[in-house]
Amino acid sequence: MSSNEARAAVEAVWRIESARIVGALARYTGDFPLAEDLAQEALAEALVSWSVNGVPAEPVGWLLTTGRRRAIDTFRRRAARDEKYALLAADLAEDAPGADSLFDPAAIDDDVLALMFISCHPVLSKEARIALTLRVVGGMGTDEIAKAFLVPVPTIQARITRAKKTLAAAHVPFAVPEPHERPERLGSVLQVVYLIFTEGSFASGGDSWMRTDLASEARRLARVLVRLAPEPEVFGLLALMEFTAARFPARLDSAGRPVLLEDQDRRRWDQSAIRRGRGALSTAAAAGRGLGAYGLQASIAECHAVARSVAETDWQRIVILYEALGRLSPSPIVELNRAVAVAMASGPAAGLELVDAIVSSGELNGSHLLPAVRGEMLSRLGRRDEATSALQEAVGLCTNAAERAALERKIDGLQKPA
């Protein structure tokens, strides 16, 4: 196997199983920051070993075995021949005949969930909690996290480094917190799951428009959280994910190119996911406390899910829901989405006025979404030259190859004779 093939295999395993690997190593060592370091060392060793010997039958088991060996070396270097070292050595000796047995599927869910709650420990600031959890549990790169927060990459790197040091200094145990400790962490955990799902639904980089592995993992975590903390907002988040994922089968054409909402074959939407979404949203609403930010977004997604076409969508209701969301959880992305809804409900001129206000505020500078939406509205108004310029700006800012190609096709369409 070539080094490039080995690297691709390592990256694929890490992208899908990173949370499980770090979680298992954290459980074995009782040291969360050390666990991530051990996982990275195991990955580095895999790059060399797999290129020579090929990918093992159970790559996760191989990485866990390597990580645990590294843990023993670490404790030996520290001269910590205590009970922890003895237990780790005994465990490794027991598992040596079949290293693959180290990967225990029955323990995975608890490990990942514990990892999420540790990363969202109240000893950390809210920003540090979310950045660290996205990095460790979501397996997202610092550049992807920076885009989600609309901040520079070095800022995210600094937050993650400080968070690890803080957790180590506080000697935070590796365990799912007791029920009375969960509420103060739940908001951060939900935001992390939401951002992981968002990255899976609309990949910020790479060649694919979606990363369905991330989106599926986020939905799985939300289902676990519903059982752990059956709060309205947890059900609201799960509903939002189900409605959004229902459209996944129709979002790419046979060549893997993005298909926009107005062009999707709605017969391909997953009706089972829509029913699950409506059930979860109904449960969130039944609490009688009013819908939170995730519940409102789920309600917007439901409007799309039940409409037979873009023309028959209840855009006025969507505008009202975005207005409520903007009051509850204000952000420039919410305002941009509201502008799109206003354009659909009242015409592109009304939407463009809102978009231009966002441009003037400078809040989304550097994001391709703003010029992409503006270009679409200018196109609908027949202002082809301005639309082309805006879309070209979006292409220059877009870091996802599939989405960039879709924008370029729009530009080509504008340059054809009317």
Protein backbone atom coordinates (compact mmCIF):
# COMPACT_ATOMS: atom_id res chain seq x y z
CA MET A 1 0.00 0.00 0.00
CA SER A 2 1.33 3.44 -0.90
CA SER A 3 1.76 6.17 1.70
CA ASN A 4 -1.06 8.16 0.08
CA GLU A 5 -3.43 5.18 0.33
CA ALA A 6 -2.44 4.67 3.95
CA ARG A 7 -3.06 8.35 4.68
CA ALA A 8 -6.50 8.17 3.04
CA ALA A 9 -7.37 5.09 5.13
CA VAL A 10 -6.22 6.75 8.37
CA GLU A 11 -8.16 9.92 7.58
CA ALA A 12 -11.30 7.92 6.81
CA VAL A 13 -11.13 5.99 10.08
CA TRP A 14 -10.43 9.15 12.08
CA ARG A 15 -13.25 11.08 10.40
CA ILE A 16 -15.80 8.43 11.31
CA GLU A 17 -14.47 6.98 14.57
CA SER A 18 -12.46 9.78 16.24
CA ALA A 19 -14.92 10.33 19.09
CA ARG A 20 -15.09 6.62 19.87
CA ILE A 21 -11.31 6.25 19.83
CA VAL A 22 -10.64 9.25 22.07
CA GLY A 23 -13.54 8.29 24.34
CA ALA A 24 -12.26 4.74 24.82
CA LEU A 25 -8.71 5.95 25.52
CA ALA A 26 -10.02 8.54 27.98
CA ARG A 27 -11.92 5.81 29.81
CA TYR A 28 -8.79 3.61 29.95
CA THR A 29 -6.47 6.36 31.15
CA GLY A 30 -8.88 8.59 33.08
CA ASP A 31 -7.14 11.57 31.47
CA PHE A 32 -9.01 13.35 28.68
CA PRO A 33 -6.19 15.63 27.34
CA LEU A 34 -3.78 12.69 27.41
CA ALA A 35 -6.29 10.54 25.52
CA GLU A 36 -6.35 12.89 22.55
CA ASP A 37 -2.55 13.06 22.49
CA LEU A 38 -2.40 9.25 22.52
CA ALA A 39 -4.91 9.04 19.68
CA GLN A 40 -2.82 11.41 17.58
CA GLU A 41 0.32 9.39 18.27
CA ALA A 42 -1.51 6.20 17.25
CA LEU A 43 -2.58 7.86 14.01
CA ALA A 44 1.01 8.87 13.27
CA GLU A 45 2.15 5.29 13.85
CA ALA A 46 -0.67 3.99 11.61
CA LEU A 47 0.54 6.14 8.72
CA VAL A 48 3.85 4.28 8.79
CA SER A 49 2.63 0.79 9.67
CA TRP A 50 -0.38 0.64 7.34
CA SER A 51 1.66 1.77 4.34
CA VAL A 52 3.93 -1.27 4.90
CA ASN A 53 1.55 -3.91 6.25
CA GLY A 54 -1.77 -2.72 4.86
CA VAL A 55 -4.92 -1.69 6.74
CA PRO A 56 -5.72 -4.17 9.54
CA ALA A 57 -9.02 -6.05 9.60
CA GLU A 58 -10.17 -3.95 12.57
CA PRO A 59 -8.47 -0.56 12.21
CA VAL A 60 -10.18 0.94 15.27
CA GLY A 61 -9.01 -1.95 17.42
CA TRP A 62 -5.49 -1.50 16.05
CA LEU A 63 -5.51 2.21 16.94
CA LEU A 64 -6.85 1.53 20.43
CA THR A 65 -4.19 -1.11 21.07
CA THR A 66 -1.48 1.28 19.89
CA GLY A 67 -2.90 4.11 21.96
CA ARG A 68 -2.98 1.98 25.09
CA ARG A 69 0.62 0.89 24.55
CA ARG A 70 1.57 4.54 24.25
CA ALA A 71 -0.30 5.19 27.50
CA ILE A 72 1.78 2.58 29.27
CA ASP A 73 4.96 4.13 27.90
CA THR A 74 3.80 7.53 29.14
CA PHE A 75 3.14 6.29 32.66
CA ARG A 76 6.47 4.45 32.65
CA ARG A 77 8.29 7.64 31.68
CA ARG A 78 6.56 9.40 34.53
CA ALA A 79 7.71 6.62 36.82
CA ALA A 80 4.07 6.20 37.85
CA ARG A 81 4.13 2.46 38.52
CA ASP A 82 0.91 2.71 40.44
CA GLU A 83 -2.37 0.87 40.30
CA LYS A 84 -3.41 2.64 37.10
CA TYR A 85 -0.29 1.44 35.28
CA ALA A 86 -0.75 -2.10 36.59
CA LEU A 87 -4.37 -2.21 35.43
CA LEU A 88 -3.49 -0.88 31.98
CA ALA A 89 -0.69 -3.41 31.60
CA ALA A 90 -2.96 -6.24 32.73
CA ASP A 91 -5.70 -5.20 30.31
CA LEU A 92 -3.23 -5.07 27.44
CA ALA A 93 -1.81 -8.49 28.28
CA GLU A 94 -5.31 -9.98 28.35
CA ASP A 95 -6.18 -8.49 24.97
CA ALA A 96 -2.85 -9.17 23.25
CA PRO A 97 -3.91 -12.43 21.49
CA GLY A 98 -6.69 -10.60 19.69
CA ALA A 99 -6.18 -6.85 19.64
CA ASP A 100 -9.46 -6.37 17.78
CA SER A 101 -11.34 -7.29 20.96
CA LEU A 102 -10.34 -3.93 22.42
CA PHE A 103 -13.09 -2.34 20.39
CA ASP A 104 -16.21 -2.86 22.48
CA PRO A 105 -19.34 -1.74 20.59
CA ALA A 106 -21.46 -2.03 23.72
CA ALA A 107 -19.41 0.71 25.42
CA ILE A 108 -19.21 3.12 22.51
CA ASP A 109 -22.32 5.16 23.17
CA ASP A 110 -21.43 5.83 26.79
CA ASP A 111 -17.86 6.78 25.87
CA VAL A 112 -18.92 9.28 23.23
CA LEU A 113 -21.58 10.79 25.44
CA ALA A 114 -19.18 11.08 28.36
CA LEU A 115 -16.65 12.73 26.04
CA MET A 116 -19.22 15.32 24.99
CA PHE A 117 -20.17 16.22 28.54
CA ILE A 118 -16.53 16.44 29.63
CA SER A 119 -15.71 18.75 26.73
CA CYS A 120 -18.68 20.90 27.74
CA HIS A 121 -17.63 21.07 31.40
CA PRO A 122 -18.63 24.34 33.14
CA VAL A 123 -15.01 24.95 34.12
CA LEU A 124 -14.55 26.04 30.48
CA SER A 125 -15.98 29.10 28.79
CA LYS A 126 -18.91 28.47 26.45
CA GLU A 127 -16.78 29.22 23.38
CA ALA A 128 -14.01 26.90 24.55
CA ARG A 129 -16.47 24.10 25.34
CA ILE A 130 -17.96 24.13 21.89
CA ALA A 131 -14.66 24.50 20.03
CA LEU A 132 -13.04 21.63 21.95
CA THR A 133 -16.03 19.32 21.53
CA LEU A 134 -16.28 19.99 17.81
CA ARG A 135 -12.59 19.18 17.48
CA VAL A 136 -12.55 16.02 19.58
CA VAL A 137 -16.06 14.60 19.23
CA GLY A 138 -16.97 15.98 15.83
CA GLY A 139 -13.55 15.37 14.32
CA MET A 140 -13.77 18.78 12.65
CA GLY A 141 -10.65 20.70 11.65
CA THR A 142 -9.82 24.05 13.20
CA ASP A 143 -10.52 25.76 9.87
CA GLU A 144 -14.03 24.27 9.75
CA ILE A 145 -14.71 25.30 13.36
CA ALA A 146 -13.42 28.82 12.66
CA LYS A 147 -15.90 29.16 9.78
CA ALA A 148 -18.74 27.99 12.01
CA PHE A 149 -17.84 30.69 14.56
CA LEU A 150 -16.93 33.31 11.94
CA VAL A 151 -13.57 33.91 13.67
CA PRO A 152 -9.89 33.47 12.60
CA VAL A 153 -8.31 30.00 12.78
CA PRO A 154 -5.63 31.05 15.36
CA THR A 155 -8.43 32.11 17.72
CA ILE A 156 -9.95 28.62 17.60
CA GLN A 157 -6.56 26.96 18.01
CA ALA A 158 -5.88 29.06 21.10
CA ARG A 159 -9.29 28.22 22.59
CA ILE A 160 -8.76 24.49 22.13
CA THR A 161 -5.26 24.57 23.62
CA ARG A 162 -6.43 26.56 26.66
CA ALA A 163 -9.42 24.24 27.11
CA LYS A 164 -7.23 21.12 27.24
CA LYS A 165 -4.91 22.72 29.78
CA THR A 166 -7.85 23.84 31.91
CA LEU A 167 -9.40 20.37 31.97
CA ALA A 168 -6.06 18.81 32.88
CA ALA A 169 -5.48 21.30 35.69
CA ALA A 170 -8.99 20.75 37.06
CA HIS A 171 -8.56 16.94 37.06
CA VAL A 172 -11.97 16.50 35.46
CA PRO A 173 -13.00 12.82 35.72
CA PHE A 174 -14.06 10.85 32.65
CA ALA A 175 -17.73 10.10 33.36
CA VAL A 176 -21.23 11.06 32.30
CA PRO A 177 -22.26 13.69 34.86
CA GLU A 178 -25.00 13.00 37.37
CA PRO A 179 -28.52 14.13 36.37
CA HIS A 180 -28.37 17.27 38.52
CA GLU A 181 -25.13 18.31 36.80
CA ARG A 182 -26.39 17.94 33.23
CA PRO A 183 -28.63 21.03 32.75
CA GLU A 184 -25.75 23.52 32.93
CA ARG A 185 -23.91 21.61 30.19
CA LEU A 186 -26.85 20.63 28.02
CA GLY A 187 -27.04 23.90 26.06
CA SER A 188 -23.42 23.60 24.95
CA VAL A 189 -23.84 19.92 24.10
CA LEU A 190 -26.87 20.72 21.94
CA GLN A 191 -25.01 23.48 20.13
CA VAL A 192 -22.12 21.14 19.41
CA VAL A 193 -24.44 18.45 18.02
CA TYR A 194 -26.17 21.11 15.92
CA LEU A 195 -22.88 22.39 14.48
CA ILE A 196 -21.69 18.86 13.72
CA PHE A 197 -24.94 18.21 11.86
CA THR A 198 -24.65 21.52 10.01
CA GLU A 199 -21.14 20.68 8.83
CA GLY A 200 -22.46 17.31 7.69
CA SER A 201 -25.36 18.90 5.82
CA PHE A 202 -23.34 21.70 4.20
CA ALA A 203 -19.65 20.82 4.21
CA SER A 204 -17.50 23.91 4.60
CA GLY A 205 -14.64 22.40 2.60
CA GLY A 206 -13.57 19.44 0.52
CA ASP A 207 -14.99 18.04 -2.69
CA SER A 208 -18.42 16.87 -1.47
CA TRP A 209 -21.36 19.12 -0.74
CA MET A 210 -22.41 16.94 2.20
CA ARG A 211 -20.67 14.80 4.81
CA THR A 212 -23.41 12.35 5.62
CA ASP A 213 -21.18 10.49 8.09
CA LEU A 214 -21.08 13.58 10.31
CA ALA A 215 -24.79 14.23 9.90
CA SER A 216 -25.64 10.63 10.80
CA GLU A 217 -23.43 10.76 13.88
CA ALA A 218 -25.10 13.98 15.01
CA ARG A 219 -28.55 12.42 14.64
CA ARG A 220 -27.41 9.40 16.63
CA LEU A 221 -26.13 11.64 19.41
CA ALA A 222 -29.40 13.59 19.43
CA ARG A 223 -31.36 10.36 19.85
CA VAL A 224 -29.15 9.40 22.80
CA LEU A 225 -29.68 12.86 24.31
CA VAL A 226 -33.45 12.54 23.95
CA ARG A 227 -33.30 9.51 26.22
CA LEU A 228 -30.82 11.13 28.60
CA ALA A 229 -32.45 14.57 28.80
CA PRO A 230 -36.00 14.56 27.34
CA GLU A 231 -36.25 18.36 27.23
CA PRO A 232 -38.27 20.28 24.58
CA GLU A 233 -35.18 21.76 22.94
CA VAL A 234 -33.58 18.33 22.60
CA PHE A 235 -36.69 17.13 20.78
CA GLY A 236 -36.66 20.35 18.74
CA LEU A 237 -33.08 19.70 17.62
CA LEU A 238 -33.85 16.09 16.74
CA ALA A 239 -36.88 17.26 14.71
CA LEU A 240 -34.74 19.77 12.82
CA MET A 241 -32.23 17.07 11.94
CA GLU A 242 -34.88 14.62 10.77
CA PHE A 243 -36.57 17.18 8.50
CA THR A 244 -33.23 18.27 7.04
CA ALA A 245 -31.92 14.74 6.56
CA ALA A 246 -35.16 13.78 4.83
CA ARG A 247 -34.03 15.88 1.85
CA PHE A 248 -30.57 14.28 1.60
CA PRO A 249 -31.55 11.68 -1.05
CA ALA A 250 -32.59 14.45 -3.45
CA ARG A 251 -29.78 16.95 -2.79
CA LEU A 252 -27.27 15.40 -5.20
CA ASP A 253 -27.73 14.35 -8.81
CA SER A 254 -26.35 11.15 -10.32
CA ALA A 255 -22.99 12.87 -10.87
CA GLY A 256 -22.78 14.01 -7.25
CA ARG A 257 -23.51 17.65 -8.07
CA PRO A 258 -25.66 19.80 -5.74
CA VAL A 259 -29.38 20.04 -6.53
CA LEU A 260 -30.99 23.19 -5.13
CA LEU A 261 -34.29 23.07 -3.23
CA GLU A 262 -36.42 24.33 -6.12
CA ASP A 263 -35.03 21.63 -8.43
CA GLN A 264 -35.25 18.65 -6.07
CA ASP A 265 -37.51 15.69 -6.80
CA ARG A 266 -39.62 15.73 -3.65
CA ARG A 267 -40.74 12.18 -4.29
CA ARG A 268 -37.23 11.16 -3.22
CA TRP A 269 -37.52 12.82 0.18
CA ASP A 270 -37.48 10.36 3.07
CA GLN A 271 -41.07 10.31 4.32
CA SER A 272 -40.14 8.22 7.35
CA ALA A 273 -37.70 10.90 8.47
CA ILE A 274 -40.38 13.55 7.96
CA ARG A 275 -42.80 11.57 10.15
CA ARG A 276 -40.14 11.20 12.83
CA GLY A 277 -39.45 14.93 12.62
CA ARG A 278 -43.11 15.83 13.02
CA GLY A 279 -43.38 13.49 15.99
CA ALA A 280 -40.35 15.02 17.70
CA LEU A 281 -41.58 18.56 16.99
CA SER A 282 -45.01 17.71 18.38
CA THR A 283 -43.36 16.45 21.56
CA ALA A 284 -41.33 19.66 21.86
CA ALA A 285 -44.46 21.80 21.43
CA ALA A 286 -46.52 19.70 23.85
CA ALA A 287 -44.38 20.87 26.78
CA GLY A 288 -46.24 24.18 26.61
CA ARG A 289 -43.17 26.35 27.20
CA GLY A 290 -42.98 27.76 23.69
CA LEU A 291 -40.50 26.61 21.10
CA GLY A 292 -36.84 27.44 21.51
CA ALA A 293 -34.30 28.20 18.79
CA TYR A 294 -34.07 24.61 17.57
CA GLY A 295 -37.81 24.13 17.70
CA LEU A 296 -38.36 27.26 15.60
CA GLN A 297 -35.83 26.07 13.04
CA ALA A 298 -37.57 22.70 13.00
CA SER A 299 -40.87 24.45 12.34
CA ILE A 300 -39.30 26.22 9.36
CA ALA A 301 -37.95 22.91 8.08
CA GLU A 302 -41.39 21.38 8.51
CA CYS A 303 -42.88 24.06 6.22
CA HIS A 304 -40.53 22.87 3.49
CA ALA A 305 -41.08 19.19 4.28
CA VAL A 306 -44.85 19.27 3.88
CA ALA A 307 -45.02 21.57 0.82
CA ARG A 308 -45.55 19.95 -2.57
CA SER A 309 -43.35 22.55 -4.31
CA VAL A 310 -41.43 25.76 -3.72
CA ALA A 311 -44.40 27.74 -5.06
CA GLU A 312 -46.78 26.08 -2.60
CA THR A 313 -44.53 26.60 0.41
CA ASP A 314 -45.98 28.81 3.17
CA TRP A 315 -43.32 31.50 2.85
CA GLN A 316 -45.26 34.01 4.96
CA ARG A 317 -45.20 31.61 7.89
CA ILE A 318 -41.48 31.03 7.33
CA VAL A 319 -40.86 34.79 7.46
CA ILE A 320 -42.74 35.00 10.77
CA LEU A 321 -40.79 32.07 12.19
CA TYR A 322 -37.48 33.65 11.17
CA GLU A 323 -38.53 36.91 12.80
CA ALA A 324 -39.24 35.01 16.04
CA LEU A 325 -35.93 33.16 15.74
CA GLY A 326 -34.08 36.44 15.17
CA ARG A 327 -35.52 37.85 18.39
CA LEU A 328 -34.71 34.71 20.37
CA SER A 329 -31.29 33.93 18.88
CA PRO A 330 -30.08 36.86 16.75
CA SER A 331 -27.36 36.20 14.18
CA PRO A 332 -26.46 37.44 10.68
CA ILE A 333 -27.13 33.94 9.29
CA VAL A 334 -30.69 34.07 10.62
CA GLU A 335 -31.12 37.50 9.03
CA LEU A 336 -29.78 36.22 5.72
CA ASN A 337 -32.22 33.31 5.76
CA ARG A 338 -35.03 35.69 6.65
CA ALA A 339 -34.10 37.81 3.64
CA VAL A 340 -34.38 34.74 1.40
CA ALA A 341 -37.82 33.97 2.84
CA VAL A 342 -38.93 37.59 2.35
CA ALA A 343 -37.74 37.44 -1.26
CA MET A 344 -39.88 34.35 -1.82
CA ALA A 345 -42.90 35.81 -0.05
CA SER A 346 -42.76 39.44 -1.24
CA GLY A 347 -40.40 39.48 -4.21
CA PRO A 348 -36.63 39.73 -4.72
CA ALA A 349 -36.53 43.53 -4.32
CA ALA A 350 -37.77 43.26 -0.73
CA GLY A 351 -35.27 40.52 0.00
CA LEU A 352 -32.39 42.41 -1.60
CA GLU A 353 -33.05 45.39 0.65
CA LEU A 354 -32.50 43.18 3.69
CA VAL A 355 -29.40 41.59 2.17
CA ASP A 356 -27.87 44.98 1.45
CA ALA A 357 -28.45 45.94 5.10
CA ILE A 358 -26.41 42.88 6.15
CA VAL A 359 -23.68 43.90 3.67
CA SER A 360 -23.58 47.37 5.24
CA SER A 361 -23.27 45.89 8.73
CA GLY A 362 -20.14 43.95 7.71
CA GLU A 363 -21.20 41.01 9.90
CA LEU A 364 -20.76 38.34 7.23
CA ASN A 365 -17.64 39.68 5.56
CA GLY A 366 -15.57 36.78 4.27
CA SER A 367 -18.52 34.40 3.95
CA HIS A 368 -19.49 33.25 0.46
CA LEU A 369 -23.13 32.91 1.51
CA LEU A 370 -23.84 36.65 1.45
CA PRO A 371 -22.69 37.38 -2.14
CA ALA A 372 -24.22 34.06 -3.28
CA VAL A 373 -27.66 35.04 -1.98
CA ARG A 374 -27.26 38.59 -3.25
CA GLY A 375 -26.29 37.32 -6.69
CA GLU A 376 -29.38 35.10 -6.83
CA MET A 377 -31.68 38.01 -5.98
CA LEU A 378 -30.01 40.32 -8.49
CA SER A 379 -30.43 37.59 -11.09
CA ARG A 380 -34.15 37.35 -10.37
CA LEU A 381 -34.40 41.12 -10.80
CA GLY A 382 -32.77 40.88 -14.23
CA ARG A 383 -29.62 42.76 -13.15
CA ARG A 384 -27.35 40.24 -14.81
CA ASP A 385 -24.03 42.10 -14.68
CA GLU A 386 -24.37 42.83 -10.96
CA ALA A 387 -25.51 39.27 -10.33
CA THR A 388 -22.47 37.91 -12.16
CA SER A 389 -20.14 40.10 -10.14
CA ALA A 390 -21.72 39.00 -6.85
CA LEU A 391 -21.58 35.32 -7.78
CA GLN A 392 -17.95 35.65 -8.85
CA GLU A 393 -17.20 37.09 -5.41
CA ALA A 394 -18.97 34.09 -3.86
CA VAL A 395 -16.88 31.69 -5.95
CA GLY A 396 -13.71 33.35 -4.71
CA LEU A 397 -14.76 32.91 -1.08
CA CYS A 398 -16.27 29.42 -1.32
CA THR A 399 -14.05 26.60 -0.01
CA ASN A 400 -16.27 23.67 -0.99
CA ALA A 401 -15.51 22.39 -4.49
CA ALA A 402 -19.02 21.06 -5.21
CA GLU A 403 -20.72 24.26 -4.12
CA ARG A 404 -18.18 26.37 -6.00
CA ALA A 405 -18.94 24.41 -9.18
CA ALA A 406 -22.66 25.05 -8.69
CA LEU A 407 -22.01 28.78 -8.38
CA GLU A 408 -19.91 28.70 -11.55
CA ARG A 409 -22.76 27.02 -13.41
CA LYS A 410 -25.03 29.87 -12.34
CA ILE A 411 -22.54 32.37 -13.70
CA ASP A 412 -22.39 30.48 -17.01
CA GLY A 413 -26.18 30.63 -17.19
CA LEU A 414 -26.18 34.38 -16.66
CA GLN A 415 -23.65 34.89 -19.45
CA LYS A 416 -25.86 33.19 -22.03
CA PRO A 417 -28.15 35.39 -24.12
CA ALA A 418 -31.43 36.15 -22.35
